[in-house]
Amino acid sequence: MRRIFLPATLALLGIAGAAQAHPKLLSASPAANATVAKPARITLRFSEKLMPKFSGADLVMTGHGGTEHAPMKVTAATAIGGDGRTLVVTPKAPLAAGRYSVAWHVVSADTHRVTGNIAFAVK
């Protein structure tokens, strides 16, 4: 009986641990707090496959010429990359020099919404 109980318990704990997982941001390009040339797109790679209908991002310009200003929304399209784990933000026009923020929200199979924010600068 003990030989069956221990493996069964470990299997249930593994399933419970997987069910509690949430998508985590693994990498971003541009990287958080980086200063870059005008990027054609912003990519955010996550630890799990994302649900496209419930995942997205807002791109805003937060400063220009060394001064802060009220956030100005930048028109951009968002999509899920072919791997299912990458959120791609593509601005409709080249980004001007300044500071930007990407506020993202993603949902994976566990159906929990996870949010975050990264900032970067364009030279």
C-alpha atoms as a PDB file:
ATOM      1  CA  MET A   1       0.000   0.000   0.000  1.00  0.00           C
ATOM      2  CA  ARG A   2       2.826   2.378   0.918  1.00  0.00           C
ATOM      3  CA  ARG A   3       4.410   1.809  -2.526  1.00  0.00           C
ATOM      4  CA  ILE A   4       1.252   3.076  -4.230  1.00  0.00           C
ATOM      5  CA  PHE A   5       0.467   5.911  -1.822  1.00  0.00           C
ATOM      6  CA  LEU A   6       3.791   7.781  -2.096  1.00  0.00           C
ATOM      7  CA  PRO A   7       3.909   7.973  -5.938  1.00  0.00           C
ATOM      8  CA  ALA A   8       0.228   8.939  -6.065  1.00  0.00           C
ATOM      9  CA  THR A   9       0.785  11.726  -3.539  1.00  0.00           C
ATOM     10  CA  LEU A  10       3.790  13.051  -5.438  1.00  0.00           C
ATOM     11  CA  ALA A  11       1.827  13.010  -8.706  1.00  0.00           C
ATOM     12  CA  LEU A  12      -1.041  14.984  -7.141  1.00  0.00           C
ATOM     13  CA  LEU A  13       1.366  17.552  -5.710  1.00  0.00           C
ATOM     14  CA  GLY A  14       2.950  17.973  -9.144  1.00  0.00           C
ATOM     15  CA  ILE A  15      -0.453  18.566 -10.748  1.00  0.00           C
ATOM     16  CA  ALA A  16      -1.443  21.046  -8.039  1.00  0.00           C
ATOM     17  CA  GLY A  17       1.844  22.919  -8.486  1.00  0.00           C
ATOM     18  CA  ALA A  18       1.308  23.175 -12.252  1.00  0.00           C
ATOM     19  CA  ALA A  19      -2.246  24.413 -11.769  1.00  0.00           C
ATOM     20  CA  GLN A  20      -0.990  27.239  -9.536  1.00  0.00           C
ATOM     21  CA  ALA A  21       1.571  28.469 -12.088  1.00  0.00           C
ATOM     22  CA  HIS A  22       1.124  31.868 -13.713  1.00  0.00           C
ATOM     23  CA  PRO A  23       2.869  33.203 -16.802  1.00  0.00           C
ATOM     24  CA  LYS A  24       6.088  34.994 -15.898  1.00  0.00           C
ATOM     25  CA  LEU A  25       7.928  37.509 -18.041  1.00  0.00           C
ATOM     26  CA  LEU A  26      11.200  35.829 -19.060  1.00  0.00           C
ATOM     27  CA  SER A  27      12.658  38.502 -21.343  1.00  0.00           C
ATOM     28  CA  ALA A  28      11.877  41.740 -23.113  1.00  0.00           C
ATOM     29  CA  SER A  29      13.326  43.432 -26.166  1.00  0.00           C
ATOM     30  CA  PRO A  30      14.139  46.222 -25.670  1.00  0.00           C
ATOM     31  CA  ALA A  31      15.204  45.169 -22.187  1.00  0.00           C
ATOM     32  CA  ALA A  32      13.780  46.982 -19.174  1.00  0.00           C
ATOM     33  CA  ASN A  33      15.477  50.377 -18.653  1.00  0.00           C
ATOM     34  CA  ALA A  34      17.546  50.039 -21.845  1.00  0.00           C
ATOM     35  CA  THR A  35      18.266  52.901 -24.242  1.00  0.00           C
ATOM     36  CA  VAL A  36      17.951  51.762 -27.845  1.00  0.00           C
ATOM     37  CA  ALA A  37      17.699  52.984 -31.429  1.00  0.00           C
ATOM     38  CA  LYS A  38      14.155  53.110 -32.801  1.00  0.00           C
ATOM     39  CA  PRO A  39      12.791  49.570 -32.355  1.00  0.00           C
ATOM     40  CA  ALA A  40      10.414  48.275 -35.029  1.00  0.00           C
ATOM     41  CA  ARG A  41       8.669  46.178 -32.381  1.00  0.00           C
ATOM     42  CA  ILE A  42       8.683  45.379 -28.673  1.00  0.00           C
ATOM     43  CA  THR A  43       8.682  41.689 -27.740  1.00  0.00           C
ATOM     44  CA  LEU A  44       7.822  40.216 -24.350  1.00  0.00           C
ATOM     45  CA  ARG A  45       8.532  36.493 -23.886  1.00  0.00           C
ATOM     46  CA  PHE A  46       6.628  34.570 -21.210  1.00  0.00           C
ATOM     47  CA  SER A  47       7.010  31.215 -19.470  1.00  0.00           C
ATOM     48  CA  GLU A  48       3.684  29.845 -20.718  1.00  0.00           C
ATOM     49  CA  LYS A  49       1.510  29.936 -23.809  1.00  0.00           C
ATOM     50  CA  LEU A  50      -0.807  32.954 -23.789  1.00  0.00           C
ATOM     51  CA  MET A  51      -4.485  33.287 -24.610  1.00  0.00           C
ATOM     52  CA  PRO A  52      -4.545  35.875 -27.448  1.00  0.00           C
ATOM     53  CA  LYS A  53      -8.085  37.064 -26.746  1.00  0.00           C
ATOM     54  CA  PHE A  54      -7.170  38.068 -23.187  1.00  0.00           C
ATOM     55  CA  SER A  55      -3.574  39.278 -23.613  1.00  0.00           C
ATOM     56  CA  GLY A  56      -2.324  42.657 -24.802  1.00  0.00           C
ATOM     57  CA  ALA A  57      -0.320  45.774 -24.047  1.00  0.00           C
ATOM     58  CA  ASP A  58      -0.482  49.565 -24.089  1.00  0.00           C
ATOM     59  CA  LEU A  59       2.525  51.562 -25.264  1.00  0.00           C
ATOM     60  CA  VAL A  60       2.853  55.122 -23.970  1.00  0.00           C
ATOM     61  CA  MET A  61       5.451  57.859 -24.286  1.00  0.00           C
ATOM     62  CA  THR A  62       6.250  59.235 -20.822  1.00  0.00           C
ATOM     63  CA  GLY A  63       8.986  61.757 -21.530  1.00  0.00           C
ATOM     64  CA  HIS A  64      10.839  63.627 -24.237  1.00  0.00           C
ATOM     65  CA  GLY A  65      14.027  65.698 -24.283  1.00  0.00           C
ATOM     66  CA  GLY A  66      14.843  64.952 -20.645  1.00  0.00           C
ATOM     67  CA  THR A  67      11.475  66.103 -19.285  1.00  0.00           C
ATOM     68  CA  GLU A  68       8.551  64.084 -17.994  1.00  0.00           C
ATOM     69  CA  HIS A  69       5.072  64.692 -19.372  1.00  0.00           C
ATOM     70  CA  ALA A  70       1.652  63.157 -19.105  1.00  0.00           C
ATOM     71  CA  PRO A  71       1.602  59.706 -20.724  1.00  0.00           C
ATOM     72  CA  MET A  72       0.747  59.896 -24.431  1.00  0.00           C
ATOM     73  CA  LYS A  73      -0.663  56.696 -25.882  1.00  0.00           C
ATOM     74  CA  VAL A  74       1.201  55.413 -28.938  1.00  0.00           C
ATOM     75  CA  THR A  75      -0.865  53.676 -31.614  1.00  0.00           C
ATOM     76  CA  ALA A  76       0.387  50.105 -31.822  1.00  0.00           C
ATOM     77  CA  ALA A  77      -0.852  46.644 -32.756  1.00  0.00           C
ATOM     78  CA  THR A  78      -0.420  43.711 -30.382  1.00  0.00           C
ATOM     79  CA  ALA A  79      -0.285  40.053 -31.360  1.00  0.00           C
ATOM     80  CA  ILE A  80       0.892  36.718 -30.022  1.00  0.00           C
ATOM     81  CA  GLY A  81       4.000  35.344 -31.767  1.00  0.00           C
ATOM     82  CA  GLY A  82       4.115  31.964 -33.476  1.00  0.00           C
ATOM     83  CA  ASP A  83       5.515  30.258 -30.365  1.00  0.00           C
ATOM     84  CA  GLY A  84       2.390  31.240 -28.401  1.00  0.00           C
ATOM     85  CA  ARG A  85       4.549  32.643 -25.589  1.00  0.00           C
ATOM     86  CA  THR A  86       5.625  35.976 -27.043  1.00  0.00           C
ATOM     87  CA  LEU A  87       3.575  39.163 -26.968  1.00  0.00           C
ATOM     88  CA  VAL A  88       4.600  41.423 -29.862  1.00  0.00           C
ATOM     89  CA  VAL A  89       3.825  45.157 -29.805  1.00  0.00           C
ATOM     90  CA  THR A  90       4.305  46.861 -33.186  1.00  0.00           C
ATOM     91  CA  PRO A  91       4.040  50.683 -33.279  1.00  0.00           C
ATOM     92  CA  LYS A  92       2.176  52.048 -36.314  1.00  0.00           C
ATOM     93  CA  ALA A  93       4.930  54.653 -36.847  1.00  0.00           C
ATOM     94  CA  PRO A  94       8.620  54.821 -35.867  1.00  0.00           C
ATOM     95  CA  LEU A  95       9.103  55.806 -32.224  1.00  0.00           C
ATOM     96  CA  ALA A  96      10.483  59.300 -31.625  1.00  0.00           C
ATOM     97  CA  ALA A  97      13.330  59.883 -29.193  1.00  0.00           C
ATOM     98  CA  GLY A  98      12.022  59.778 -25.641  1.00  0.00           C
ATOM     99  CA  ARG A  99      11.023  57.509 -22.757  1.00  0.00           C
ATOM    100  CA  TYR A 100       8.373  54.814 -23.165  1.00  0.00           C
ATOM    101  CA  SER A 101       6.427  52.439 -20.972  1.00  0.00           C
ATOM    102  CA  VAL A 102       4.723  49.192 -21.940  1.00  0.00           C
ATOM    103  CA  ALA A 103       1.899  48.128 -19.607  1.00  0.00           C
ATOM    104  CA  TRP A 104       1.121  44.490 -20.410  1.00  0.00           C
ATOM    105  CA  HIS A 105      -1.537  42.026 -19.316  1.00  0.00           C
ATOM    106  CA  VAL A 106      -1.523  38.320 -20.143  1.00  0.00           C
ATOM    107  CA  VAL A 107      -3.645  35.271 -19.452  1.00  0.00           C
ATOM    108  CA  SER A 108      -2.514  31.667 -19.889  1.00  0.00           C
ATOM    109  CA  ALA A 109      -4.352  28.354 -19.537  1.00  0.00           C
ATOM    110  CA  ASP A 110      -4.662  28.830 -15.758  1.00  0.00           C
ATOM    111  CA  THR A 111      -7.010  31.802 -16.558  1.00  0.00           C
ATOM    112  CA  HIS A 112      -5.355  34.142 -14.048  1.00  0.00           C
ATOM    113  CA  ARG A 113      -4.624  37.630 -15.396  1.00  0.00           C
ATOM    114  CA  VAL A 114      -1.054  38.776 -14.762  1.00  0.00           C
ATOM    115  CA  THR A 115       0.072  42.361 -15.348  1.00  0.00           C
ATOM    116  CA  GLY A 116       3.341  44.215 -15.464  1.00  0.00           C
ATOM    117  CA  ASN A 117       5.207  47.145 -16.895  1.00  0.00           C
ATOM    118  CA  ILE A 118       8.568  47.742 -18.524  1.00  0.00           C
ATOM    119  CA  ALA A 119      10.174  51.049 -19.434  1.00  0.00           C
ATOM    120  CA  PHE A 120      12.835  51.889 -22.003  1.00  0.00           C
ATOM    121  CA  ALA A 121      14.218  54.900 -23.834  1.00  0.00           C
ATOM    122  CA  VAL A 122      14.681  55.608 -27.536  1.00  0.00           C
ATOM    123  CA  LYS A 123      17.687  57.724 -28.541  1.00  0.00           C
END
